């Protein structure tokens, strides 16, 4: 069987934690921030963990894991 390719977008957007969860950046922080409240900007600072339901889907797109 040939090797499976990893989706190139997954390599760029997600990192795997030691517990097997996926870490990702939060959307909506690039431009037009004056339309967002201070609470929205503050709470979306940094990175978040992906939900369990979405983690299974994303892991299928990276058949040999993420670094």
PDB file of N, CA and C in Angstrom:
ATOM      1  N   UNK A   1       0.836  -1.186   0.000  1.00  0.00           N
ATOM      2  CA  UNK A   1       0.000   0.000   0.000  1.00  0.00           C
ATOM      3  C   UNK A   1       0.883   1.252   0.000  1.00  0.00           C
ATOM      4  N   UNK A   2       0.488   2.272  -0.748  1.00  0.00           N
ATOM      5  CA  UNK A   2       1.256   3.520  -0.720  1.00  0.00           C
ATOM      6  C   UNK A   2       1.019   4.269   0.587  1.00  0.00           C
ATOM      7  N   UNK A   3       1.942   5.144   0.886  1.00  0.00           N
ATOM      8  CA  UNK A   3       1.801   5.962   2.087  1.00  0.00           C
ATOM      9  C   UNK A   3       0.666   6.960   1.899  1.00  0.00           C
ATOM     10  N   UNK A   4       0.016   7.306   3.010  1.00  0.00           N
ATOM     11  CA  UNK A   4      -1.055   8.289   2.981  1.00  0.00           C
ATOM     12  C   UNK A   4      -0.477   9.677   3.188  1.00  0.00           C
ATOM     13  N   UNK A   5      -1.040  10.653   2.519  1.00  0.00           N
ATOM     14  CA  UNK A   5      -0.575  12.026   2.676  1.00  0.00           C
ATOM     15  C   UNK A   5      -1.340  12.716   3.797  1.00  0.00           C
ATOM     16  N   UNK A   6      -0.637  13.555   4.539  1.00  0.00           N
ATOM     17  CA  UNK A   6      -1.251  14.404   5.548  1.00  0.00           C
ATOM     18  C   UNK A   6      -1.772  15.660   4.865  1.00  0.00           C
ATOM     19  N   UNK A   7      -2.965  16.092   5.261  1.00  0.00           N
ATOM     20  CA  UNK A   7      -3.492  17.351   4.732  1.00  0.00           C
ATOM     21  C   UNK A   7      -2.544  18.481   5.134  1.00  0.00           C
ATOM     22  N   UNK A   8      -2.111  19.271   4.177  1.00  0.00           N
ATOM     23  CA  UNK A   8      -1.090  20.277   4.461  1.00  0.00           C
ATOM     24  C   UNK A   8      -1.587  21.358   5.409  1.00  0.00           C
ATOM     25  N   UNK A   9      -2.883  21.650   5.401  1.00  0.00           N
ATOM     26  CA  UNK A   9      -3.425  22.660   6.308  1.00  0.00           C
ATOM     27  C   UNK A   9      -3.383  22.211   7.757  1.00  0.00           C
ATOM     28  N   UNK A  10      -3.489  20.910   7.986  1.00  0.00           N
ATOM     29  CA  UNK A  10      -3.471  20.382   9.348  1.00  0.00           C
ATOM     30  C   UNK A  10      -2.090  20.556   9.967  1.00  0.00           C
ATOM     31  N   UNK A  11      -1.048  20.349   9.186  1.00  0.00           N
ATOM     32  CA  UNK A  11       0.316  20.506   9.695  1.00  0.00           C
ATOM     33  C   UNK A  11       0.554  21.927  10.183  1.00  0.00           C
ATOM     34  N   UNK A  12      -0.054  22.898   9.496  1.00  0.00           N
ATOM     35  CA  UNK A  12       0.192  24.298   9.810  1.00  0.00           C
ATOM     36  C   UNK A  12      -0.652  24.806  10.981  1.00  0.00           C
ATOM     37  N   UNK A  13      -1.816  24.216  11.202  1.00  0.00           N
ATOM     38  CA  UNK A  13      -2.781  24.810  12.113  1.00  0.00           C
ATOM     39  C   UNK A  13      -2.918  24.126  13.469  1.00  0.00           C
ATOM     40  N   UNK A  14      -2.435  22.892  13.593  1.00  0.00           N
ATOM     41  CA  UNK A  14      -2.639  22.145  14.821  1.00  0.00           C
ATOM     42  C   UNK A  14      -1.325  21.578  15.337  1.00  0.00           C
ATOM     43  N   UNK A  15      -1.229  21.463  16.673  1.00  0.00           N
ATOM     44  CA  UNK A  15      -0.120  20.753  17.301  1.00  0.00           C
ATOM     45  C   UNK A  15      -0.703  19.770  18.305  1.00  0.00           C
ATOM     46  N   UNK A  16      -0.040  18.644  18.471  1.00  0.00           N
ATOM     47  CA  UNK A  16      -0.510  17.589  19.349  1.00  0.00           C
ATOM     48  C   UNK A  16       0.099  17.779  20.732  1.00  0.00           C
ATOM     49  N   UNK A  17      -0.730  17.683  21.778  1.00  0.00           N
ATOM     50  CA  UNK A  17      -0.239  17.802  23.140  1.00  0.00           C
ATOM     51  C   UNK A  17       0.209  16.434  23.640  1.00  0.00           C
ATOM     52  N   UNK A  18       0.812  16.381  24.825  1.00  0.00           N
ATOM     53  CA  UNK A  18       1.294  15.122  25.388  1.00  0.00           C
ATOM     54  C   UNK A  18       0.144  14.175  25.713  1.00  0.00           C
ATOM     55  N   UNK A  19      -1.025  14.710  25.996  1.00  0.00           N
ATOM     56  CA  UNK A  19      -2.188  13.884  26.328  1.00  0.00           C
ATOM     57  C   UNK A  19      -2.983  13.457  25.107  1.00  0.00           C
ATOM     58  N   UNK A  20      -2.523  13.830  23.913  1.00  0.00           N
ATOM     59  CA  UNK A  20      -3.223  13.433  22.692  1.00  0.00           C
ATOM     60  C   UNK A  20      -4.288  14.406  22.248  1.00  0.00           C
ATOM     61  N   UNK A  21      -4.376  15.566  22.890  1.00  0.00           N
ATOM     62  CA  UNK A  21      -5.340  16.579  22.472  1.00  0.00           C
ATOM     63  C   UNK A  21      -4.712  17.460  21.401  1.00  0.00           C
ATOM     64  N   UNK A  22      -5.538  18.201  20.694  1.00  0.00           N
ATOM     65  CA  UNK A  22      -5.044  19.076  19.639  1.00  0.00           C
ATOM     66  C   UNK A  22      -5.181  20.534  20.057  1.00  0.00           C
ATOM     67  N   UNK A  23      -4.104  21.277  19.897  1.00  0.00           N
ATOM     68  CA  UNK A  23      -4.058  22.686  20.238  1.00  0.00           C
ATOM     69  C   UNK A  23      -4.168  23.490  18.948  1.00  0.00           C
ATOM     70  N   UNK A  24      -4.940  24.591  18.969  1.00  0.00           N
ATOM     71  CA  UNK A  24      -5.117  25.392  17.768  1.00  0.00           C
ATOM     72  C   UNK A  24      -5.248  26.867  18.134  1.00  0.00           C
ATOM     73  N   UNK A  25      -4.966  27.702  17.174  1.00  0.00           N
ATOM     74  CA  UNK A  25      -5.144  29.130  17.361  1.00  0.00           C
ATOM     75  C   UNK A  25      -6.609  29.504  17.219  1.00  0.00           C
ATOM     76  N   UNK A  26      -6.989  30.602  17.824  1.00  0.00           N
ATOM     77  CA  UNK A  26      -8.388  31.037  17.813  1.00  0.00           C
ATOM     78  C   UNK A  26      -8.633  31.950  16.614  1.00  0.00           C
ATOM     79  N   UNK A  27      -9.769  31.774  15.976  1.00  0.00           N
ATOM     80  CA  UNK A  27     -10.112  32.576  14.804  1.00  0.00           C
ATOM     81  C   UNK A  27     -10.603  33.956  15.215  1.00  0.00           C
ATOM     82  N   UNK A  28     -10.538  34.904  14.300  1.00  0.00           N
ATOM     83  CA  UNK A  28     -11.111  36.223  14.514  1.00  0.00           C
ATOM     84  C   UNK A  28     -10.201  37.200  15.221  1.00  0.00           C
ATOM     85  N   UNK A  29      -8.875  37.044  15.096  1.00  0.00           N
ATOM     86  CA  UNK A  29      -7.962  37.936  15.796  1.00  0.00           C
ATOM     87  C   UNK A  29      -7.027  38.687  14.852  1.00  0.00           C
ATOM     88  N   UNK A  30      -7.267  38.652  13.562  1.00  0.00           N
ATOM     89  CA  UNK A  30      -6.304  39.201  12.615  1.00  0.00           C
ATOM     90  C   UNK A  30      -6.551  40.672  12.282  1.00  0.00           C
ATOM     91  N   UNK A  31      -7.772  41.011  11.981  1.00  0.00           N
ATOM     92  CA  UNK A  31      -8.060  42.390  11.585  1.00  0.00           C
ATOM     93  C   UNK A  31      -9.484  42.724  11.997  1.00  0.00           C
ATOM     94  N   UNK A  32      -9.849  44.000  11.877  1.00  0.00           N
ATOM     95  CA  UNK A  32     -11.173  44.498  12.289  1.00  0.00           C
ATOM     96  C   UNK A  32     -11.452  44.214  13.758  1.00  0.00           C
ATOM     97  N   UNK A  33     -10.455  44.388  14.592  1.00  0.00           N
ATOM     98  CA  UNK A  33     -10.630  44.115  16.014  1.00  0.00           C
ATOM     99  C   UNK A  33     -11.399  45.220  16.716  1.00  0.00           C
ATOM    100  N   UNK A  34     -11.561  46.375  16.075  1.00  0.00           N
ATOM    101  CA  UNK A  34     -12.326  47.451  16.702  1.00  0.00           C
ATOM    102  C   UNK A  34     -13.804  47.090  16.805  1.00  0.00           C
ATOM    103  N   UNK A  35     -14.256  46.127  15.998  1.00  0.00           N
ATOM    104  CA  UNK A  35     -15.662  45.700  16.051  1.00  0.00           C
ATOM    105  C   UNK A  35     -15.907  44.706  17.179  1.00  0.00           C
ATOM    106  N   UNK A  36     -14.843  44.142  17.744  1.00  0.00           N
ATOM    107  CA  UNK A  36     -14.999  43.167  18.811  1.00  0.00           C
ATOM    108  C   UNK A  36     -14.871  43.855  20.168  1.00  0.00           C
ATOM    109  N   UNK A  37     -15.542  43.254  21.151  1.00  0.00           N
ATOM    110  CA  UNK A  37     -15.466  43.808  22.501  1.00  0.00           C
ATOM    111  C   UNK A  37     -14.116  43.445  23.128  1.00  0.00           C
ATOM    112  N   UNK A  38     -13.761  44.154  24.176  1.00  0.00           N
ATOM    113  CA  UNK A  38     -12.513  43.872  24.884  1.00  0.00           C
ATOM    114  C   UNK A  38     -12.556  42.475  25.494  1.00  0.00           C
ATOM    115  N   UNK A  39     -13.724  42.055  25.936  1.00  0.00           N
ATOM    116  CA  UNK A  39     -13.877  40.716  26.518  1.00  0.00           C
ATOM    117  C   UNK A  39     -13.597  39.641  25.470  1.00  0.00           C
ATOM    118  N   UNK A  40     -14.090  39.833  24.257  1.00  0.00           N
ATOM    119  CA  UNK A  40     -13.871  38.871  23.171  1.00  0.00           C
ATOM    120  C   UNK A  40     -12.383  38.744  22.857  1.00  0.00           C
ATOM    121  N   UNK A  41     -11.702  39.862  22.739  1.00  0.00           N
ATOM    122  CA  UNK A  41     -10.274  39.860  22.414  1.00  0.00           C
ATOM    123  C   UNK A  41      -9.473  39.223  23.548  1.00  0.00           C
ATOM    124  N   UNK A  42      -9.838  39.525  24.784  1.00  0.00           N
ATOM    125  CA  UNK A  42      -9.124  39.003  25.945  1.00  0.00           C
ATOM    126  C   UNK A  42      -9.302  37.485  26.076  1.00  0.00           C
ATOM    127  N   UNK A  43     -10.526  36.998  25.896  1.00  0.00           N
ATOM    128  CA  UNK A  43     -10.787  35.577  26.071  1.00  0.00           C
ATOM    129  C   UNK A  43     -10.212  34.737  24.936  1.00  0.00           C
ATOM    130  N   UNK A  44     -10.007  35.326  23.770  1.00  0.00           N
ATOM    131  CA  UNK A  44      -9.483  34.574  22.633  1.00  0.00           C
ATOM    132  C   UNK A  44      -7.982  34.752  22.455  1.00  0.00           C
ATOM    133  N   UNK A  45      -7.311  35.230  23.474  1.00  0.00           N
ATOM    134  CA  UNK A  45      -5.866  35.366  23.431  1.00  0.00           C
ATOM    135  C   UNK A  45      -5.220  33.982  23.569  1.00  0.00           C
ATOM    136  N   UNK A  46      -4.127  33.760  22.874  1.00  0.00           N
ATOM    137  CA  UNK A  46      -3.416  32.492  23.019  1.00  0.00           C
ATOM    138  C   UNK A  46      -4.026  31.387  22.175  1.00  0.00           C
ATOM    139  N   UNK A  47      -4.005  30.167  22.694  1.00  0.00           N
ATOM    140  CA  UNK A  47      -4.490  29.000  21.957  1.00  0.00           C
ATOM    141  C   UNK A  47      -5.573  28.292  22.755  1.00  0.00           C
ATOM    142  N   UNK A  48      -6.313  27.434  22.073  1.00  0.00           N
ATOM    143  CA  UNK A  48      -7.376  26.648  22.696  1.00  0.00           C
ATOM    144  C   UNK A  48      -7.172  25.183  22.354  1.00  0.00           C
ATOM    145  N   UNK A  49      -7.920  24.302  23.038  1.00  0.00           N
ATOM    146  CA  UNK A  49      -7.905  22.880  22.743  1.00  0.00           C
ATOM    147  C   UNK A  49      -9.144  22.523  21.934  1.00  0.00           C
ATOM    148  N   UNK A  50      -8.962  21.627  20.992  1.00  0.00           N
ATOM    149  CA  UNK A  50     -10.057  21.198  20.132  1.00  0.00           C
ATOM    150  C   UNK A  50     -10.961  20.234  20.898  1.00  0.00           C
ATOM    151  N   UNK A  51     -12.247  20.230  20.585  1.00  0.00           N
ATOM    152  CA  UNK A  51     -13.185  19.338  21.260  1.00  0.00           C
ATOM    153  C   UNK A  51     -12.915  17.890  20.860  1.00  0.00           C
ATOM    154  N   UNK A  52     -13.418  16.945  21.649  1.00  0.00           N
ATOM    155  CA  UNK A  52     -13.178  15.525  21.381  1.00  0.00           C
ATOM    156  C   UNK A  52     -13.779  15.093  20.045  1.00  0.00           C
ATOM    157  N   UNK A  53     -14.957  15.606  19.724  1.00  0.00           N
ATOM    158  CA  UNK A  53     -15.617  15.224  18.481  1.00  0.00           C
ATOM    159  C   UNK A  53     -14.802  15.664  17.269  1.00  0.00           C
ATOM    160  N   UNK A  54     -14.243  16.872  17.316  1.00  0.00           N
ATOM    161  CA  UNK A  54     -13.456  17.374  16.199  1.00  0.00           C
ATOM    162  C   UNK A  54     -12.052  16.765  16.168  1.00  0.00           C
ATOM    163  N   UNK A  55     -11.547  16.344  17.320  1.00  0.00           N
ATOM    164  CA  UNK A  55     -10.206  15.768  17.377  1.00  0.00           C
ATOM    165  C   UNK A  55     -10.113  14.497  16.549  1.00  0.00           C
ATOM    166  N   UNK A  56     -11.140  13.654  16.611  1.00  0.00           N
ATOM    167  CA  UNK A  56     -11.121  12.404  15.840  1.00  0.00           C
ATOM    168  C   UNK A  56     -11.060  12.690  14.346  1.00  0.00           C
ATOM    169  N   UNK A  57     -11.785  13.689  13.898  1.00  0.00           N
ATOM    170  CA  UNK A  57     -11.787  14.037  12.482  1.00  0.00           C
ATOM    171  C   UNK A  57     -10.427  14.552  12.035  1.00  0.00           C
ATOM    172  N   UNK A  58      -9.848  15.434  12.815  1.00  0.00           N
ATOM    173  CA  UNK A  58      -8.570  16.033  12.446  1.00  0.00           C
ATOM    174  C   UNK A  58      -7.454  14.998  12.476  1.00  0.00           C
ATOM    175  N   UNK A  59      -7.486  14.081  13.442  1.00  0.00           N
ATOM    176  CA  UNK A  59      -6.460  13.047  13.511  1.00  0.00           C
ATOM    177  C   UNK A  59      -6.522  12.119  12.301  1.00  0.00           C
ATOM    178  N   UNK A  60      -7.704  11.935  11.736  1.00  0.00           N
ATOM    179  CA  UNK A  60      -7.820  11.108  10.531  1.00  0.00           C
ATOM    180  C   UNK A  60      -7.148  11.776   9.344  1.00  0.00           C
ATOM    181  N   UNK A  61      -7.062  13.096   9.355  1.00  0.00           N
ATOM    182  CA  UNK A  61      -6.407  13.829   8.269  1.00  0.00           C
ATOM    183  C   UNK A  61      -4.891  13.808   8.399  1.00  0.00           C
ATOM    184  N   UNK A  62      -4.387  13.406   9.569  1.00  0.00           N
ATOM    185  CA  UNK A  62      -2.942  13.302   9.789  1.00  0.00           C
ATOM    186  C   UNK A  62      -2.660  11.850  10.179  1.00  0.00           C
ATOM    187  N   UNK A  63      -2.586  10.935   9.210  1.00  0.00           N
ATOM    188  CA  UNK A  63      -2.529   9.510   9.526  1.00  0.00           C
ATOM    189  C   UNK A  63      -1.300   9.075  10.315  1.00  0.00           C
ATOM    190  N   UNK A  64      -0.189   9.800  10.214  1.00  0.00           N
ATOM    191  CA  UNK A  64       1.028   9.409  10.909  1.00  0.00           C
ATOM    192  C   UNK A  64       1.343  10.348  12.061  1.00  0.00           C
ATOM    193  N   UNK A  65       0.375  11.110  12.516  1.00  0.00           N
ATOM    194  CA  UNK A  65       0.544  11.981  13.670  1.00  0.00           C
ATOM    195  C   UNK A  65       1.088  13.349  13.308  1.00  0.00           C
ATOM    196  N   UNK A  66       1.156  14.212  14.302  1.00  0.00           N
ATOM    197  CA  UNK A  66       1.660  15.569  14.154  1.00  0.00           C
ATOM    198  C   UNK A  66       2.848  15.765  15.080  1.00  0.00           C
ATOM    199  N   UNK A  67       3.744  16.681  14.731  1.00  0.00           N
ATOM    200  CA  UNK A  67       4.871  16.968  15.585  1.00  0.00           C
ATOM    201  C   UNK A  67       4.671  18.242  16.344  1.00  0.00           C
TER     202      UNK A  67
END
